[in-house]
């Protein structure tokens, strides 16, 4: 049985096997759920499911094919030109 010790700031480190079983990594959030188990109050840990956004990282495959990274100035120039073309100036 794994045990957890609290620090002076009430922080705890979960054992690796617990993190693997819950499927959590650094930065993930857990929800604490109070339960009654054999007439004793216990707490269950439940990973908070993150909302998945399908567009996040979707351009990475195109960025990987770039011959060189764009500079901020190049991006601004192209954006400015496109906006001018749309307005007819």
N, C-alpha and C. Protein backbone atom coordinates (compact mmCIF):
# COMPACT_ATOMS: atom_id res chain seq x y z
N UNK A 1 0.85 -1.18 0.00
CA UNK A 1 0.00 0.00 0.00
C UNK A 1 0.89 1.24 0.00
N UNK A 2 0.60 2.15 -0.90
CA UNK A 2 1.36 3.40 -0.99
C UNK A 2 0.83 4.40 0.03
N UNK A 3 1.74 5.17 0.60
CA UNK A 3 1.34 6.22 1.54
C UNK A 3 1.85 7.56 1.02
N UNK A 4 1.17 8.61 1.45
CA UNK A 4 1.52 9.96 1.03
C UNK A 4 1.73 10.80 2.28
N UNK A 5 2.80 11.58 2.29
CA UNK A 5 3.09 12.46 3.41
C UNK A 5 2.90 13.91 2.97
N UNK A 6 2.20 14.69 3.80
CA UNK A 6 1.98 16.10 3.49
C UNK A 6 3.16 16.94 3.97
N UNK A 7 3.48 17.97 3.20
CA UNK A 7 4.52 18.92 3.61
C UNK A 7 3.88 19.98 4.51
N UNK A 8 4.68 20.92 4.98
CA UNK A 8 4.19 21.99 5.84
C UNK A 8 3.15 22.85 5.10
N UNK A 9 3.23 22.89 3.77
CA UNK A 9 2.29 23.68 2.97
C UNK A 9 1.12 22.82 2.47
N UNK A 10 0.89 21.67 3.08
CA UNK A 10 -0.18 20.73 2.73
C UNK A 10 -0.04 20.20 1.29
N UNK A 11 1.16 20.10 0.80
CA UNK A 11 1.40 19.55 -0.53
C UNK A 11 1.77 18.08 -0.40
N UNK A 12 1.44 17.31 -1.43
CA UNK A 12 1.72 15.88 -1.42
C UNK A 12 2.25 15.47 -2.79
N UNK A 13 3.06 14.43 -2.80
CA UNK A 13 3.56 13.85 -4.04
C UNK A 13 2.93 12.48 -4.20
N UNK A 14 2.26 12.30 -5.33
CA UNK A 14 1.64 11.00 -5.59
C UNK A 14 2.68 10.02 -6.13
N UNK A 15 2.62 8.77 -5.69
CA UNK A 15 3.54 7.77 -6.22
C UNK A 15 3.33 7.57 -7.72
N UNK A 16 4.38 7.19 -8.40
CA UNK A 16 4.36 6.99 -9.85
C UNK A 16 3.27 6.01 -10.26
N UNK A 17 3.13 4.92 -9.52
CA UNK A 17 2.13 3.91 -9.89
C UNK A 17 0.70 4.46 -9.80
N UNK A 18 0.45 5.38 -8.88
CA UNK A 18 -0.88 5.99 -8.77
C UNK A 18 -1.12 6.89 -9.98
N UNK A 19 -0.12 7.69 -10.33
CA UNK A 19 -0.26 8.58 -11.50
C UNK A 19 -0.49 7.78 -12.77
N UNK A 20 0.23 6.69 -12.92
CA UNK A 20 0.05 5.85 -14.12
C UNK A 20 -1.34 5.24 -14.14
N UNK A 21 -1.82 4.77 -12.98
CA UNK A 21 -3.14 4.15 -12.92
C UNK A 21 -4.24 5.16 -13.22
N UNK A 22 -4.05 6.41 -12.81
CA UNK A 22 -5.05 7.46 -13.07
C UNK A 22 -4.87 8.07 -14.45
N UNK A 23 -3.72 7.82 -15.09
CA UNK A 23 -3.45 8.41 -16.41
C UNK A 23 -3.20 9.90 -16.34
N UNK A 24 -2.53 10.35 -15.28
CA UNK A 24 -2.26 11.78 -15.10
C UNK A 24 -0.77 12.06 -15.19
N UNK A 25 -0.46 13.30 -15.55
CA UNK A 25 0.92 13.76 -15.61
C UNK A 25 1.00 15.14 -14.96
N UNK A 26 2.20 15.69 -14.95
CA UNK A 26 2.45 16.99 -14.34
C UNK A 26 1.52 18.05 -14.94
N UNK A 27 0.90 18.83 -14.06
CA UNK A 27 0.02 19.90 -14.50
C UNK A 27 -1.44 19.51 -14.63
N UNK A 28 -1.74 18.21 -14.59
CA UNK A 28 -3.14 17.77 -14.66
C UNK A 28 -3.84 18.10 -13.35
N UNK A 29 -5.16 18.16 -13.40
CA UNK A 29 -5.97 18.45 -12.21
C UNK A 29 -6.72 17.20 -11.78
N UNK A 30 -6.93 17.11 -10.47
CA UNK A 30 -7.69 16.01 -9.90
C UNK A 30 -8.88 16.56 -9.14
N UNK A 31 -9.98 15.85 -9.20
CA UNK A 31 -11.17 16.20 -8.43
C UNK A 31 -11.22 15.25 -7.23
N UNK A 32 -11.49 15.79 -6.05
CA UNK A 32 -11.61 14.96 -4.85
C UNK A 32 -13.09 14.71 -4.58
N UNK A 33 -13.45 13.44 -4.48
CA UNK A 33 -14.84 13.07 -4.28
C UNK A 33 -15.00 12.37 -2.94
N UNK A 34 -15.84 12.90 -2.03
CA UNK A 34 -16.08 12.22 -0.76
C UNK A 34 -16.99 11.01 -0.97
N UNK A 35 -16.62 9.88 -0.39
CA UNK A 35 -17.39 8.65 -0.52
C UNK A 35 -17.54 7.99 0.85
N UNK A 36 -18.52 7.14 0.97
CA UNK A 36 -18.68 6.32 2.17
C UNK A 36 -18.34 4.89 1.80
N UNK A 37 -17.32 4.34 2.41
CA UNK A 37 -16.86 2.99 2.10
C UNK A 37 -16.77 2.21 3.41
N UNK A 38 -17.56 1.17 3.53
CA UNK A 38 -17.62 0.35 4.75
C UNK A 38 -17.83 1.22 5.99
N UNK A 39 -18.83 2.12 5.89
CA UNK A 39 -19.19 3.05 6.97
C UNK A 39 -18.05 3.98 7.38
N UNK A 40 -17.13 4.21 6.50
CA UNK A 40 -16.01 5.12 6.78
C UNK A 40 -15.92 6.13 5.64
N UNK A 41 -15.71 7.40 6.00
CA UNK A 41 -15.60 8.45 4.98
C UNK A 41 -14.21 8.37 4.34
N UNK A 42 -14.20 8.24 3.02
CA UNK A 42 -12.94 8.19 2.26
C UNK A 42 -13.04 9.19 1.12
N UNK A 43 -11.91 9.48 0.52
CA UNK A 43 -11.87 10.42 -0.61
C UNK A 43 -11.32 9.69 -1.83
N UNK A 44 -11.98 9.90 -2.95
CA UNK A 44 -11.54 9.31 -4.21
C UNK A 44 -10.95 10.41 -5.08
N UNK A 45 -9.91 10.08 -5.83
CA UNK A 45 -9.30 11.00 -6.78
C UNK A 45 -9.83 10.69 -8.17
N UNK A 46 -10.29 11.74 -8.87
CA UNK A 46 -10.79 11.56 -10.22
C UNK A 46 -10.11 12.59 -11.12
N UNK A 47 -9.43 12.15 -12.18
CA UNK A 47 -8.81 13.11 -13.10
C UNK A 47 -9.86 14.01 -13.74
N UNK A 48 -9.56 15.29 -13.82
CA UNK A 48 -10.44 16.24 -14.50
C UNK A 48 -10.12 16.15 -15.98
N UNK A 49 -11.13 15.85 -16.77
CA UNK A 49 -10.93 15.69 -18.22
C UNK A 49 -10.81 17.06 -18.85
N UNK A 50 -9.74 17.25 -19.58
CA UNK A 50 -9.51 18.51 -20.28
C UNK A 50 -10.35 18.55 -21.55
N UNK A 51 -10.85 19.72 -21.87
CA UNK A 51 -11.57 19.89 -23.13
C UNK A 51 -10.56 19.81 -24.26
N UNK A 52 -10.81 18.92 -25.19
CA UNK A 52 -9.89 18.77 -26.31
C UNK A 52 -10.29 19.72 -27.42
N UNK A 53 -9.31 20.39 -27.95
CA UNK A 53 -9.56 21.30 -29.06
C UNK A 53 -8.85 20.73 -30.27
N UNK A 54 -9.62 20.41 -31.29
CA UNK A 54 -9.04 19.74 -32.44
C UNK A 54 -8.10 20.63 -33.24
N UNK A 55 -8.23 21.95 -33.09
CA UNK A 55 -7.38 22.85 -33.88
C UNK A 55 -6.02 23.09 -33.23
N UNK A 56 -5.89 22.81 -31.93
CA UNK A 56 -4.62 23.05 -31.26
C UNK A 56 -3.55 22.14 -31.84
N UNK A 57 -2.50 22.72 -32.31
CA UNK A 57 -1.41 21.96 -32.88
C UNK A 57 -1.65 21.46 -34.30
N UNK A 58 -2.78 21.82 -34.89
CA UNK A 58 -3.10 21.30 -36.22
C UNK A 58 -2.20 21.86 -37.30
N UNK A 59 -1.58 23.00 -37.05
CA UNK A 59 -0.69 23.59 -38.06
C UNK A 59 0.76 23.13 -37.92
N UNK A 60 1.04 22.31 -36.92
CA UNK A 60 2.42 21.90 -36.69
C UNK A 60 3.00 21.12 -37.86
N UNK A 61 2.17 20.36 -38.56
CA UNK A 61 2.71 19.60 -39.71
C UNK A 61 3.16 20.53 -40.82
N UNK A 62 2.46 21.66 -40.98
CA UNK A 62 2.87 22.64 -41.99
C UNK A 62 4.12 23.39 -41.54
N UNK A 63 4.18 23.69 -40.27
CA UNK A 63 5.35 24.40 -39.75
C UNK A 63 6.60 23.53 -39.89
N UNK A 64 6.45 22.23 -39.73
CA UNK A 64 7.59 21.33 -39.85
C UNK A 64 8.14 21.31 -41.28
N UNK A 65 7.29 21.61 -42.27
CA UNK A 65 7.72 21.60 -43.66
C UNK A 65 8.33 22.93 -44.11
N UNK A 66 8.26 23.94 -43.27
CA UNK A 66 8.77 25.26 -43.64
C UNK A 66 10.28 25.22 -43.82
N UNK A 67 10.76 25.94 -44.82
CA UNK A 67 12.20 25.97 -45.06
C UNK A 67 12.91 26.81 -44.01
N UNK A 68 12.21 27.83 -43.52
CA UNK A 68 12.76 28.67 -42.46
C UNK A 68 11.58 29.31 -41.72
N UNK A 69 11.77 29.69 -40.47
CA UNK A 69 10.67 30.32 -39.74
C UNK A 69 10.39 31.73 -40.23
N UNK A 70 9.15 32.14 -40.13
CA UNK A 70 8.76 33.50 -40.49
C UNK A 70 9.15 34.45 -39.37
N UNK A 71 9.51 35.65 -39.77
CA UNK A 71 9.74 36.67 -38.76
C UNK A 71 8.44 37.43 -38.53
N UNK A 72 8.36 38.13 -37.46
CA UNK A 72 7.17 38.92 -37.16
C UNK A 72 6.94 39.99 -38.22
N UNK A 73 8.03 40.56 -38.72
CA UNK A 73 7.93 41.60 -39.73
C UNK A 73 7.33 41.05 -41.03
N UNK A 74 7.79 39.88 -41.45
CA UNK A 74 7.24 39.28 -42.67
C UNK A 74 5.75 39.01 -42.52
N UNK A 75 5.36 38.52 -41.38
CA UNK A 75 3.95 38.24 -41.13
C UNK A 75 3.14 39.53 -41.19
N UNK A 76 3.65 40.59 -40.58
CA UNK A 76 2.95 41.88 -40.59
C UNK A 76 2.85 42.45 -42.00
N UNK A 77 3.92 42.32 -42.79
CA UNK A 77 3.90 42.81 -44.17
C UNK A 77 2.83 42.09 -44.99
N UNK A 78 2.78 40.78 -44.90
CA UNK A 78 1.81 40.01 -45.68
C UNK A 78 0.39 40.30 -45.22
N UNK A 79 0.20 40.43 -43.93
CA UNK A 79 -1.13 40.75 -43.41
C UNK A 79 -1.57 42.12 -43.89
N UNK A 80 -0.66 43.09 -43.84
CA UNK A 80 -0.95 44.44 -44.31
C UNK A 80 -1.31 44.47 -45.78
N UNK A 81 -0.55 43.73 -46.59
CA UNK A 81 -0.83 43.69 -48.01
C UNK A 81 -2.19 43.06 -48.29
N UNK A 82 -2.51 42.00 -47.59
CA UNK A 82 -3.80 41.35 -47.79
C UNK A 82 -4.95 42.26 -47.41
N UNK A 83 -4.79 42.99 -46.33
CA UNK A 83 -5.84 43.90 -45.89
C UNK A 83 -6.00 45.06 -46.88
N UNK A 84 -4.88 45.55 -47.44
CA UNK A 84 -4.94 46.62 -48.43
C UNK A 84 -5.64 46.15 -49.69
N UNK A 85 -5.34 44.92 -50.11
CA UNK A 85 -5.94 44.38 -51.32
C UNK A 85 -7.45 44.24 -51.15
N UNK A 86 -7.88 43.86 -49.95
CA UNK A 86 -9.33 43.70 -49.70
C UNK A 86 -10.04 45.04 -49.69
N UNK A 87 -9.37 46.08 -49.18
CA UNK A 87 -10.02 47.38 -49.09
C UNK A 87 -9.92 48.17 -50.39
N UNK A 88 -9.11 47.68 -51.35
CA UNK A 88 -8.98 48.34 -52.65
C UNK A 88 -8.00 49.47 -52.68
N UNK A 89 -7.13 49.56 -51.68
CA UNK A 89 -6.13 50.65 -51.64
C UNK A 89 -4.84 50.25 -52.29
